[in-house]
Amino acid sequence: MKTQLFVLTIVLLIPALAVQATSRSDDRQSARNIRQDARTQGRQTKQDCFIANNKSNSECRQDKRENRRDGRRRAYNVKW
């Protein structure tokens, strides 16, 4: 009787664990996409800064870093 109950419990839990794994995978993929978009956006921000020539090189770098930092924060919030 205990063995049957144990097997039944395992059989019922397996689909729930699979759904959780899929959900976490989707969260990781979303976070990865956000980080990649932030990288692209950071590069574009730096290029736009150089083209506009309204800031020094270090200020343009700081803008790029801030952009990427914000992307990492958003990705972290999505993932966790």
N, C-alpha and C. Protein backbone atom coordinates (compact mmCIF):
# COMPACT_ATOMS: atom_id res chain seq x y z
N MET A 1 0.83 -1.20 0.00
CA MET A 1 0.00 0.00 0.00
C MET A 1 0.87 1.26 0.00
N LYS A 2 1.91 1.30 0.84
CA LYS A 2 2.79 2.46 0.90
C LYS A 2 3.54 2.62 -0.41
N THR A 3 3.94 1.53 -1.00
CA THR A 3 4.67 1.58 -2.27
C THR A 3 3.77 2.14 -3.36
N GLN A 4 2.54 1.72 -3.39
CA GLN A 4 1.61 2.21 -4.40
C GLN A 4 1.34 3.70 -4.21
N LEU A 5 1.21 4.14 -2.98
CA LEU A 5 1.00 5.55 -2.69
C LEU A 5 2.22 6.37 -3.11
N PHE A 6 3.39 5.83 -2.84
CA PHE A 6 4.64 6.50 -3.23
C PHE A 6 4.73 6.63 -4.75
N VAL A 7 4.44 5.57 -5.46
CA VAL A 7 4.50 5.59 -6.93
C VAL A 7 3.46 6.57 -7.48
N LEU A 8 2.28 6.57 -6.92
CA LEU A 8 1.23 7.48 -7.36
C LEU A 8 1.66 8.93 -7.13
N THR A 9 2.27 9.21 -6.01
CA THR A 9 2.76 10.55 -5.72
C THR A 9 3.82 10.99 -6.73
N ILE A 10 4.74 10.11 -7.03
CA ILE A 10 5.79 10.40 -8.00
C ILE A 10 5.18 10.67 -9.38
N VAL A 11 4.25 9.84 -9.78
CA VAL A 11 3.62 9.99 -11.10
C VAL A 11 2.88 11.33 -11.19
N LEU A 12 2.27 11.75 -10.12
CA LEU A 12 1.53 13.01 -10.14
C LEU A 12 2.46 14.22 -10.08
N LEU A 13 3.63 14.09 -9.49
CA LEU A 13 4.55 15.21 -9.37
C LEU A 13 5.40 15.45 -10.62
N ILE A 14 5.64 14.45 -11.40
CA ILE A 14 6.51 14.58 -12.58
C ILE A 14 6.00 15.66 -13.54
N PRO A 15 4.72 15.68 -13.92
CA PRO A 15 4.27 16.76 -14.82
C PRO A 15 4.43 18.15 -14.22
N ALA A 16 4.20 18.28 -12.92
CA ALA A 16 4.35 19.58 -12.27
C ALA A 16 5.80 20.05 -12.33
N LEU A 17 6.74 19.16 -12.15
CA LEU A 17 8.15 19.52 -12.22
C LEU A 17 8.55 19.89 -13.65
N ALA A 18 7.98 19.20 -14.62
CA ALA A 18 8.28 19.51 -16.02
C ALA A 18 7.77 20.89 -16.38
N VAL A 19 6.60 21.25 -15.91
CA VAL A 19 6.03 22.58 -16.18
C VAL A 19 6.89 23.65 -15.53
N GLN A 20 7.35 23.40 -14.32
CA GLN A 20 8.20 24.38 -13.63
C GLN A 20 9.52 24.56 -14.39
N ALA A 21 10.08 23.48 -14.87
CA ALA A 21 11.34 23.57 -15.62
C ALA A 21 11.14 24.36 -16.91
N THR A 22 10.04 24.15 -17.58
CA THR A 22 9.75 24.89 -18.81
C THR A 22 9.57 26.37 -18.50
N SER A 23 8.88 26.66 -17.43
CA SER A 23 8.66 28.06 -17.04
C SER A 23 9.99 28.74 -16.73
N ARG A 24 10.84 28.07 -16.00
CA ARG A 24 12.16 28.65 -15.67
C ARG A 24 12.99 28.84 -16.93
N SER A 25 12.88 27.92 -17.86
CA SER A 25 13.59 28.04 -19.12
C SER A 25 13.12 29.28 -19.88
N ASP A 26 11.82 29.50 -19.90
CA ASP A 26 11.27 30.69 -20.56
C ASP A 26 11.76 31.96 -19.88
N ASP A 27 11.83 31.94 -18.55
CA ASP A 27 12.33 33.11 -17.81
C ASP A 27 13.79 33.38 -18.15
N ARG A 28 14.60 32.32 -18.21
CA ARG A 28 16.02 32.50 -18.56
C ARG A 28 16.17 33.05 -19.97
N GLN A 29 15.36 32.56 -20.89
CA GLN A 29 15.43 33.03 -22.27
C GLN A 29 15.02 34.50 -22.35
N SER A 30 13.99 34.88 -21.63
CA SER A 30 13.56 36.28 -21.62
C SER A 30 14.65 37.18 -21.04
N ALA A 31 15.28 36.73 -19.96
CA ALA A 31 16.36 37.50 -19.35
C ALA A 31 17.54 37.63 -20.31
N ARG A 32 17.85 36.56 -21.00
CA ARG A 32 18.95 36.59 -21.98
C ARG A 32 18.65 37.58 -23.10
N ASN A 33 17.41 37.58 -23.58
CA ASN A 33 17.03 38.52 -24.63
C ASN A 33 17.13 39.97 -24.16
N ILE A 34 16.73 40.22 -22.92
CA ILE A 34 16.83 41.57 -22.37
C ILE A 34 18.28 42.02 -22.30
N ARG A 35 19.17 41.12 -21.84
CA ARG A 35 20.59 41.48 -21.76
C ARG A 35 21.18 41.74 -23.15
N GLN A 36 20.82 40.93 -24.12
CA GLN A 36 21.32 41.14 -25.48
C GLN A 36 20.81 42.45 -26.06
N ASP A 37 19.56 42.76 -25.82
CA ASP A 37 19.01 44.04 -26.28
C ASP A 37 19.71 45.21 -25.61
N ALA A 38 20.03 45.06 -24.33
CA ALA A 38 20.73 46.12 -23.61
C ALA A 38 22.12 46.33 -24.18
N ARG A 39 22.80 45.26 -24.57
CA ARG A 39 24.12 45.40 -25.19
C ARG A 39 24.03 46.17 -26.49
N THR A 40 23.07 45.79 -27.32
CA THR A 40 22.88 46.45 -28.61
C THR A 40 22.53 47.92 -28.39
N GLN A 41 21.66 48.17 -27.46
CA GLN A 41 21.23 49.53 -27.16
C GLN A 41 22.41 50.35 -26.61
N GLY A 42 23.24 49.72 -25.79
CA GLY A 42 24.42 50.41 -25.26
C GLY A 42 25.38 50.80 -26.36
N ARG A 43 25.61 49.90 -27.30
CA ARG A 43 26.49 50.22 -28.43
C ARG A 43 25.92 51.38 -29.24
N GLN A 44 24.62 51.32 -29.49
CA GLN A 44 23.97 52.38 -30.26
C GLN A 44 24.04 53.71 -29.52
N THR A 45 23.85 53.68 -28.22
CA THR A 45 23.93 54.89 -27.41
C THR A 45 25.31 55.52 -27.52
N LYS A 46 26.33 54.68 -27.44
CA LYS A 46 27.70 55.19 -27.53
C LYS A 46 27.98 55.76 -28.92
N GLN A 47 27.54 55.07 -29.96
CA GLN A 47 27.74 55.57 -31.32
C GLN A 47 27.02 56.90 -31.54
N ASP A 48 25.78 56.98 -31.04
CA ASP A 48 25.02 58.23 -31.16
C ASP A 48 25.72 59.36 -30.42
N CYS A 49 26.28 59.05 -29.29
CA CYS A 49 27.00 60.05 -28.49
C CYS A 49 28.21 60.56 -29.27
N PHE A 50 28.96 59.67 -29.89
CA PHE A 50 30.12 60.08 -30.67
C PHE A 50 29.71 60.92 -31.88
N ILE A 51 28.63 60.51 -32.53
CA ILE A 51 28.17 61.23 -33.72
C ILE A 51 27.72 62.64 -33.34
N ALA A 52 26.97 62.74 -32.25
CA ALA A 52 26.48 64.04 -31.80
C ALA A 52 27.63 64.92 -31.29
N ASN A 53 28.69 64.27 -30.79
CA ASN A 53 29.88 64.95 -30.30
C ASN A 53 29.56 65.99 -29.23
N ASN A 54 28.60 65.67 -28.38
CA ASN A 54 28.22 66.62 -27.35
C ASN A 54 28.75 66.23 -25.97
N LYS A 55 29.48 65.13 -25.89
CA LYS A 55 30.04 64.69 -24.62
C LYS A 55 31.45 64.18 -24.84
N SER A 56 32.18 64.08 -23.75
CA SER A 56 33.53 63.52 -23.86
C SER A 56 33.44 62.00 -24.00
N ASN A 57 34.54 61.39 -24.34
CA ASN A 57 34.59 59.94 -24.52
C ASN A 57 34.20 59.23 -23.23
N SER A 58 34.69 59.72 -22.10
CA SER A 58 34.36 59.06 -20.83
C SER A 58 32.87 59.19 -20.50
N GLU A 59 32.28 60.32 -20.84
CA GLU A 59 30.84 60.47 -20.59
C GLU A 59 30.03 59.54 -21.48
N CYS A 60 30.48 59.34 -22.71
CA CYS A 60 29.80 58.39 -23.60
C CYS A 60 29.92 56.97 -23.06
N ARG A 61 31.10 56.64 -22.53
CA ARG A 61 31.29 55.30 -21.94
C ARG A 61 30.37 55.11 -20.75
N GLN A 62 30.23 56.15 -19.93
CA GLN A 62 29.35 56.05 -18.76
C GLN A 62 27.89 55.82 -19.18
N ASP A 63 27.48 56.50 -20.25
CA ASP A 63 26.12 56.28 -20.76
C ASP A 63 25.93 54.83 -21.18
N LYS A 64 26.93 54.30 -21.87
CA LYS A 64 26.86 52.91 -22.33
C LYS A 64 26.80 51.97 -21.13
N ARG A 65 27.64 52.21 -20.15
CA ARG A 65 27.66 51.35 -18.95
C ARG A 65 26.34 51.41 -18.21
N GLU A 66 25.79 52.61 -18.08
CA GLU A 66 24.51 52.76 -17.38
C GLU A 66 23.40 52.00 -18.11
N ASN A 67 23.42 52.08 -19.42
CA ASN A 67 22.43 51.38 -20.22
C ASN A 67 22.53 49.87 -20.01
N ARG A 68 23.74 49.35 -20.05
CA ARG A 68 23.93 47.91 -19.86
C ARG A 68 23.60 47.49 -18.43
N ARG A 69 23.93 48.34 -17.47
CA ARG A 69 23.61 48.05 -16.07
C ARG A 69 22.10 47.94 -15.88
N ASP A 70 21.37 48.87 -16.49
CA ASP A 70 19.90 48.82 -16.41
C ASP A 70 19.36 47.54 -17.04
N GLY A 71 19.95 47.12 -18.15
CA GLY A 71 19.54 45.88 -18.80
C GLY A 71 19.77 44.66 -17.91
N ARG A 72 20.91 44.65 -17.23
CA ARG A 72 21.19 43.53 -16.31
C ARG A 72 20.20 43.51 -15.16
N ARG A 73 19.85 44.70 -14.64
CA ARG A 73 18.86 44.76 -13.56
C ARG A 73 17.50 44.24 -14.01
N ARG A 74 17.07 44.68 -15.21
CA ARG A 74 15.78 44.21 -15.74
C ARG A 74 15.80 42.70 -15.96
N ALA A 75 16.91 42.19 -16.47
CA ALA A 75 17.02 40.74 -16.71
C ALA A 75 16.96 39.98 -15.39
N TYR A 76 17.62 40.50 -14.37
CA TYR A 76 17.61 39.85 -13.06
C TYR A 76 16.18 39.80 -12.51
N ASN A 77 15.46 40.91 -12.67
CA ASN A 77 14.08 40.96 -12.16
C ASN A 77 13.17 39.98 -12.90
N VAL A 78 13.41 39.78 -14.18
CA VAL A 78 12.61 38.82 -14.94
C VAL A 78 12.95 37.40 -14.51
N LYS A 79 14.22 37.14 -14.34
CA LYS A 79 14.67 35.78 -14.04
C LYS A 79 14.29 35.36 -12.62
N TRP A 80 14.39 36.25 -11.67
CA TRP A 80 14.12 35.90 -10.27
C TRP A 80 12.94 36.67 -9.79
